[in-house]
């Protein structure tokens, strides 16, 4: 099939882009096009106006310091191959390697994936794990949205009509933090059936001092295990702790679809979270030795 007729706009500034979005009620921004263009071809999406963001230099770039900041139009490939990001946030690089294939990541953008909000997508899960702050701009000005408020439901963001996602940022974890990411898909590059990500730090006695865990692919949006995270502080990361984390992940309410049942997704969440936690613990112990 082919898309329904639409008018094409090619702005070169953020101001021009948000003005177009405000002027045309049925306008859609075009980022990498890896999700929107197929939807238009199948006529699941039928915008009357397409606002191409690829000519806006101000929407691209990565800054790494105490916080990591990404322009919304930054290509996934640029993040995947950034040595600075790999050092400060290795779990993000690892997760991006599961996104489609090399050609997908060449065009796909960080902001585009966040706005599309596929439940199985890796980028929303990583931003939820890191408590990212997303900046949206309109003709009325800019506002910041915490990631846990940005994802409203199944492929539904908190962006208001006329708003454009421009920037994503989050605090870098300590250099000695441990991380683990696990994902299960039918084939590498397919949409994930379930995924799990863990970040943690250990104190001088080997107990948990900071902990975050996210489960992707089960619910309409990535889920942080906030209750378990609170219980994890000062806990000894032994086998009982790993079992408790696995059990908590298995309790996340899951969706059925044509591929697998909700119960199977919950089983995967249990298995993957235990694997990710084990990897994070090994990583934290090794890194702690290098930062004594």
Protein backbone atom coordinates (compact mmCIF):
# COMPACT_ATOMS: atom_id res chain seq x y z
CA UNK A 1 0.00 0.00 0.00
CA UNK A 2 0.93 3.64 -0.24
CA UNK A 3 0.34 6.45 2.26
CA UNK A 4 -2.65 8.76 2.01
CA UNK A 5 -1.87 12.16 0.45
CA UNK A 6 -0.05 14.61 2.72
CA UNK A 7 1.77 17.93 2.58
CA UNK A 8 5.50 17.81 3.29
CA UNK A 9 7.33 20.44 5.38
CA UNK A 10 11.11 20.71 5.85
CA UNK A 11 11.89 23.15 8.71
CA UNK A 12 15.47 23.94 9.75
CA UNK A 13 14.80 25.31 13.26
CA UNK A 14 12.89 24.08 16.31
CA UNK A 15 10.84 27.27 16.23
CA UNK A 16 9.73 26.62 12.66
CA UNK A 17 8.86 23.00 13.48
CA UNK A 18 6.67 23.79 16.49
CA UNK A 19 5.00 26.60 14.54
CA UNK A 20 4.04 24.09 11.85
CA UNK A 21 2.75 21.63 14.44
CA UNK A 22 0.65 24.40 16.00
CA UNK A 23 -0.67 25.58 12.64
CA UNK A 24 -1.74 22.18 11.31
CA UNK A 25 -3.98 20.12 13.57
CA UNK A 26 -3.24 16.77 11.90
CA UNK A 27 0.52 17.28 11.48
CA UNK A 28 2.98 14.58 12.53
CA UNK A 29 6.72 15.04 13.07
CA UNK A 30 9.02 12.73 11.10
CA UNK A 31 12.21 11.60 12.86
CA UNK A 32 13.93 8.44 11.64
CA UNK A 33 10.73 7.17 10.05
CA UNK A 34 11.37 3.57 11.08
CA UNK A 35 7.94 3.32 12.72
CA UNK A 36 5.89 6.16 11.25
CA UNK A 37 6.52 5.46 7.55
CA UNK A 38 5.38 1.81 7.70
CA UNK A 39 2.31 2.92 9.65
CA UNK A 40 1.56 5.48 6.95
CA UNK A 41 2.04 2.90 4.21
CA UNK A 42 -0.51 0.65 5.89
CA UNK A 43 -2.67 3.71 6.61
CA UNK A 44 -2.66 3.10 10.33
CA UNK A 45 -1.48 6.73 10.46
CA UNK A 46 -2.89 9.28 8.01
CA UNK A 47 -1.46 12.72 8.79
CA UNK A 48 -2.39 15.56 6.44
CA UNK A 49 0.96 17.24 7.12
CA UNK A 50 4.39 15.71 7.69
CA UNK A 51 6.97 17.87 9.49
CA UNK A 52 10.44 16.48 8.70
CA UNK A 53 12.86 17.07 11.59
CA UNK A 54 15.98 15.80 9.83
CA UNK A 55 17.16 19.26 8.80
CA UNK A 56 17.19 20.64 12.38
CA UNK A 57 20.77 20.52 13.64
CA UNK A 58 19.76 21.77 17.11
CA UNK A 59 17.93 18.48 17.74
CA UNK A 60 21.08 16.35 17.39
CA UNK A 61 24.02 15.67 19.67
CA UNK A 62 25.21 13.92 22.82
CA UNK A 63 26.73 15.49 25.95
CA UNK A 64 28.31 13.31 28.65
CA UNK A 65 29.12 14.63 32.10
CA UNK A 66 27.37 14.40 35.45
CA UNK A 67 24.27 14.09 33.29
CA UNK A 68 23.92 12.48 29.88
CA UNK A 69 21.97 14.63 27.44
CA UNK A 70 20.70 13.55 24.02
CA UNK A 71 19.08 15.63 21.33
CA UNK A 72 15.84 13.97 20.31
CA UNK A 73 17.06 13.50 16.72
CA UNK A 74 20.30 11.78 17.76
CA UNK A 75 20.62 8.56 15.77
CA UNK A 76 20.64 5.32 17.72
CA UNK A 77 23.83 4.38 15.86
CA UNK A 78 25.60 7.51 17.14
CA UNK A 79 24.81 6.52 20.73
CA UNK A 80 25.67 2.86 20.13
CA UNK A 81 29.16 3.76 18.88
CA UNK A 82 29.90 6.60 21.32
CA UNK A 83 32.89 5.73 23.50
CA UNK A 84 31.81 8.37 26.03
CA UNK A 85 28.34 6.87 26.39
CA UNK A 86 29.83 3.37 26.58
CA UNK A 87 31.96 4.45 29.53
CA UNK A 88 29.29 6.41 31.39
CA UNK A 89 26.23 4.29 30.56
CA UNK A 90 27.20 0.89 29.12
CA UNK A 91 23.74 -0.61 29.61
CA UNK A 92 22.28 1.85 27.10
CA UNK A 93 24.79 0.80 24.45
CA UNK A 94 24.06 -2.87 25.17
CA UNK A 95 20.29 -2.32 24.93
CA UNK A 96 20.55 -0.43 21.64
CA UNK A 97 22.34 -3.38 20.04
CA UNK A 98 19.02 -5.23 20.34
CA UNK A 99 17.14 -2.58 18.36
CA UNK A 100 16.28 -3.97 14.93
CA UNK A 101 19.37 -4.26 12.73
CA UNK A 102 22.27 -1.97 11.81
CA UNK A 103 20.23 -0.32 9.06
CA UNK A 104 17.41 0.33 11.52
CA UNK A 105 19.73 2.04 13.98
CA UNK A 106 21.36 4.09 11.23
CA UNK A 107 18.07 5.96 10.79
CA UNK A 108 16.22 5.42 14.05
CA UNK A 109 16.43 8.18 16.65
CA UNK A 110 16.36 8.27 20.43
CA UNK A 111 13.41 10.67 20.49
CA UNK A 112 11.49 8.87 17.79
CA UNK A 113 11.52 5.61 19.73
CA UNK A 114 10.41 7.39 22.89
CA UNK A 115 7.50 9.11 21.16
CA UNK A 116 6.39 5.90 19.42
CA UNK A 117 6.47 4.13 22.82
CA UNK A 118 6.22 0.56 21.65
CA UNK A 119 5.88 -1.60 24.82
CA UNK A 120 8.74 -3.82 23.64
CA UNK A 121 11.14 -1.02 22.67
CA UNK A 122 14.49 -0.84 24.40
CA UNK A 123 14.93 2.96 24.53
CA UNK A 124 11.82 3.69 26.63
CA UNK A 125 12.86 0.94 29.06
CA UNK A 126 16.35 2.43 29.42
CA UNK A 127 14.99 5.92 30.00
CA UNK A 128 12.55 4.59 32.59
CA UNK A 129 15.43 2.77 34.31
CA UNK A 130 17.47 5.99 34.49
CA UNK A 131 14.63 8.30 35.59
CA UNK A 132 15.17 10.38 32.47
CA UNK A 133 13.74 13.86 32.06
CA UNK A 134 12.24 14.66 28.66
CA UNK A 135 11.96 18.23 27.38
CA UNK A 136 9.03 19.13 25.16
CA UNK A 137 8.67 22.42 23.30
CA UNK A 138 5.74 24.19 21.71
CA UNK A 139 4.96 27.73 20.62
CA UNK A 140 4.06 28.40 24.27
CA UNK A 141 7.51 27.42 25.56
CA UNK A 142 9.28 24.37 26.98
CA UNK A 143 8.42 21.99 29.80
CA UNK A 144 10.14 19.02 31.40
CA UNK A 145 8.45 15.65 31.83
CA UNK A 146 9.77 12.81 34.02
CA UNK A 147 9.83 9.55 32.08
CA UNK A 148 7.43 7.91 34.54
CA UNK A 149 4.87 10.59 33.61
CA UNK A 150 5.69 10.64 29.89
CA UNK A 151 4.44 7.11 29.19
CA UNK A 152 0.66 7.26 29.70
CA UNK A 153 -0.28 3.89 28.22
CA UNK A 154 -0.06 1.70 25.14
CA UNK A 155 1.89 3.75 22.56
CA UNK A 156 0.55 6.92 24.16
CA UNK A 157 2.81 9.70 25.42
CA UNK A 158 2.05 12.77 27.52
CA UNK A 159 2.97 15.14 24.69
CA UNK A 160 0.23 17.69 24.11
CA UNK A 161 -0.94 18.63 20.59
CA UNK A 162 1.65 20.94 19.06
CA UNK A 163 4.47 19.78 21.36
CA UNK A 164 7.76 18.42 20.08
CA UNK A 165 10.21 16.30 22.07
CA UNK A 166 13.55 18.09 21.85
CA UNK A 167 15.88 16.66 24.50
CA UNK A 168 16.36 13.74 26.89
CA UNK A 169 18.68 13.75 29.89
CA UNK A 170 19.43 11.70 32.99
CA UNK A 171 21.97 11.55 35.81
CA UNK A 172 25.00 9.35 35.29
CA UNK A 173 25.46 6.56 37.79
CA UNK A 174 28.72 6.23 39.75
CA UNK A 175 31.62 4.75 37.74
CA UNK A 176 31.63 1.62 39.90
CA UNK A 177 27.99 0.76 39.27
CA UNK A 178 27.05 -2.66 37.96
CA UNK A 179 24.62 -3.24 35.14
CA UNK A 180 22.86 -6.08 33.39
CA UNK A 181 20.45 -6.21 30.45
CA UNK A 182 18.66 -9.29 29.13
CA UNK A 183 16.11 -9.58 26.35
CA UNK A 184 14.21 -12.42 24.70
CA UNK A 185 12.91 -12.15 21.13
CA UNK A 186 11.94 -14.79 18.59
CA UNK A 187 14.92 -13.71 16.46
CA UNK A 188 17.63 -11.15 17.10
CA UNK A 189 16.31 -7.82 15.90
CA UNK A 190 12.65 -8.75 16.34
CA UNK A 191 10.51 -6.91 18.85
CA UNK A 192 11.24 -8.17 22.35
CA UNK A 193 8.74 -10.45 24.03
CA UNK A 194 10.23 -9.42 27.38
CA UNK A 195 13.32 -7.66 28.70
CA UNK A 196 14.91 -6.78 32.02
CA UNK A 197 17.45 -4.17 33.02
CA UNK A 198 19.25 -3.75 36.35
CA UNK A 199 21.52 -1.03 37.75
CA UNK A 200 23.08 -1.25 41.20
CA UNK A 201 25.93 -0.13 43.41
CA UNK A 202 27.46 -1.93 46.38
CA UNK A 203 28.77 -0.47 49.62
CA UNK A 204 32.10 -1.36 51.26
CA UNK A 205 30.53 -4.43 52.88
CA UNK A 206 29.08 -5.71 49.60
CA UNK A 207 25.47 -4.78 50.41
CA UNK A 208 23.18 -2.98 47.97
CA UNK A 209 23.51 0.80 48.28
CA UNK A 210 21.53 1.83 45.18
CA UNK A 211 19.25 -0.28 43.01
CA UNK A 212 16.99 0.10 39.97
CA UNK A 213 15.20 -2.54 37.90
CA UNK A 214 12.95 -2.22 34.85
CA UNK A 215 10.84 -4.79 33.05
CA UNK A 216 9.94 -4.22 29.39
CA UNK A 217 7.52 -5.90 27.01
CA UNK A 218 4.97 -7.03 29.60
CA UNK A 219 2.81 -4.00 30.26
CA UNK A 220 1.74 -1.16 27.91
CA UNK A 221 4.83 0.75 29.10
CA UNK A 222 8.10 -0.25 30.80
CA UNK A 223 7.64 -0.95 34.51
CA UNK A 224 10.00 -0.03 37.33
CA UNK A 225 9.86 -2.38 40.33
CA UNK A 226 9.76 0.51 42.79
CA UNK A 227 8.53 -1.46 45.80
CA UNK A 228 11.29 -4.03 45.45
CA UNK A 229 13.86 -1.30 44.77
CA UNK A 230 13.06 0.28 48.14
CA UNK A 231 13.39 -3.08 49.91
CA UNK A 232 16.71 -3.77 48.17
CA UNK A 233 18.65 -0.98 49.88
CA UNK A 234 21.14 -2.43 52.42
CA UNK A 235 20.17 -5.98 51.42
CA UNK A 236 22.79 -8.69 51.01
CA UNK A 237 22.76 -9.72 47.32
CA UNK A 238 22.69 -13.47 47.89
CA UNK A 239 20.60 -16.18 46.24
CA UNK A 240 17.57 -15.31 48.36
CA UNK A 241 17.81 -11.73 47.15
CA UNK A 242 17.99 -12.83 43.50
CA UNK A 243 14.98 -15.12 44.05
CA UNK A 244 13.02 -12.24 45.59
CA UNK A 245 13.83 -9.99 42.63
CA UNK A 246 12.80 -12.72 40.22
CA UNK A 247 9.51 -13.24 42.06
CA UNK A 248 8.80 -9.51 42.04
CA UNK A 249 9.36 -9.36 38.28
CA UNK A 250 7.00 -12.27 37.71
CA UNK A 251 4.21 -10.32 39.42
CA UNK A 252 4.18 -7.54 36.81
CA UNK A 253 0.82 -7.57 35.07
CA UNK A 254 1.38 -8.78 31.51
CA UNK A 255 -0.43 -8.61 28.18
CA UNK A 256 -1.57 -11.45 25.95
CA UNK A 257 -1.03 -11.22 22.19
CA UNK A 258 -0.91 -13.44 19.11
CA UNK A 259 2.61 -14.62 19.95
CA UNK A 260 2.61 -15.56 23.64
CA UNK A 261 0.39 -15.62 26.71
CA UNK A 262 0.60 -13.24 29.64
CA UNK A 263 1.78 -16.12 31.85
CA UNK A 264 4.67 -16.83 29.48
CA UNK A 265 5.72 -13.18 29.54
CA UNK A 266 5.68 -13.24 33.33
CA UNK A 267 7.83 -16.37 33.32
CA UNK A 268 10.29 -14.65 30.98
CA UNK A 269 10.37 -11.58 33.23
CA UNK A 270 11.27 -13.82 36.16
CA UNK A 271 14.09 -15.59 34.30
CA UNK A 272 15.49 -12.50 32.57
CA UNK A 273 15.49 -10.37 35.72
CA UNK A 274 17.50 -13.02 37.58
CA UNK A 275 20.01 -13.18 34.73
CA UNK A 276 20.29 -9.38 34.52
CA UNK A 277 20.75 -9.12 38.29
CA UNK A 278 23.49 -11.75 38.32
CA UNK A 279 25.31 -9.91 35.53
CA UNK A 280 24.95 -6.60 37.38
CA UNK A 281 26.38 -8.08 40.58
CA UNK A 282 29.40 -9.56 38.81
CA UNK A 283 29.95 -6.26 37.02
CA UNK A 284 29.67 -4.19 40.21
CA UNK A 285 32.12 -6.41 42.09
CA UNK A 286 34.66 -6.24 39.28
CA UNK A 287 34.30 -2.49 38.84
CA UNK A 288 34.49 -1.86 42.59
CA UNK A 289 37.93 -3.47 42.63
CA UNK A 290 39.11 -0.92 40.08
CA UNK A 291 37.70 2.06 41.99
CA UNK A 292 38.95 1.27 45.49
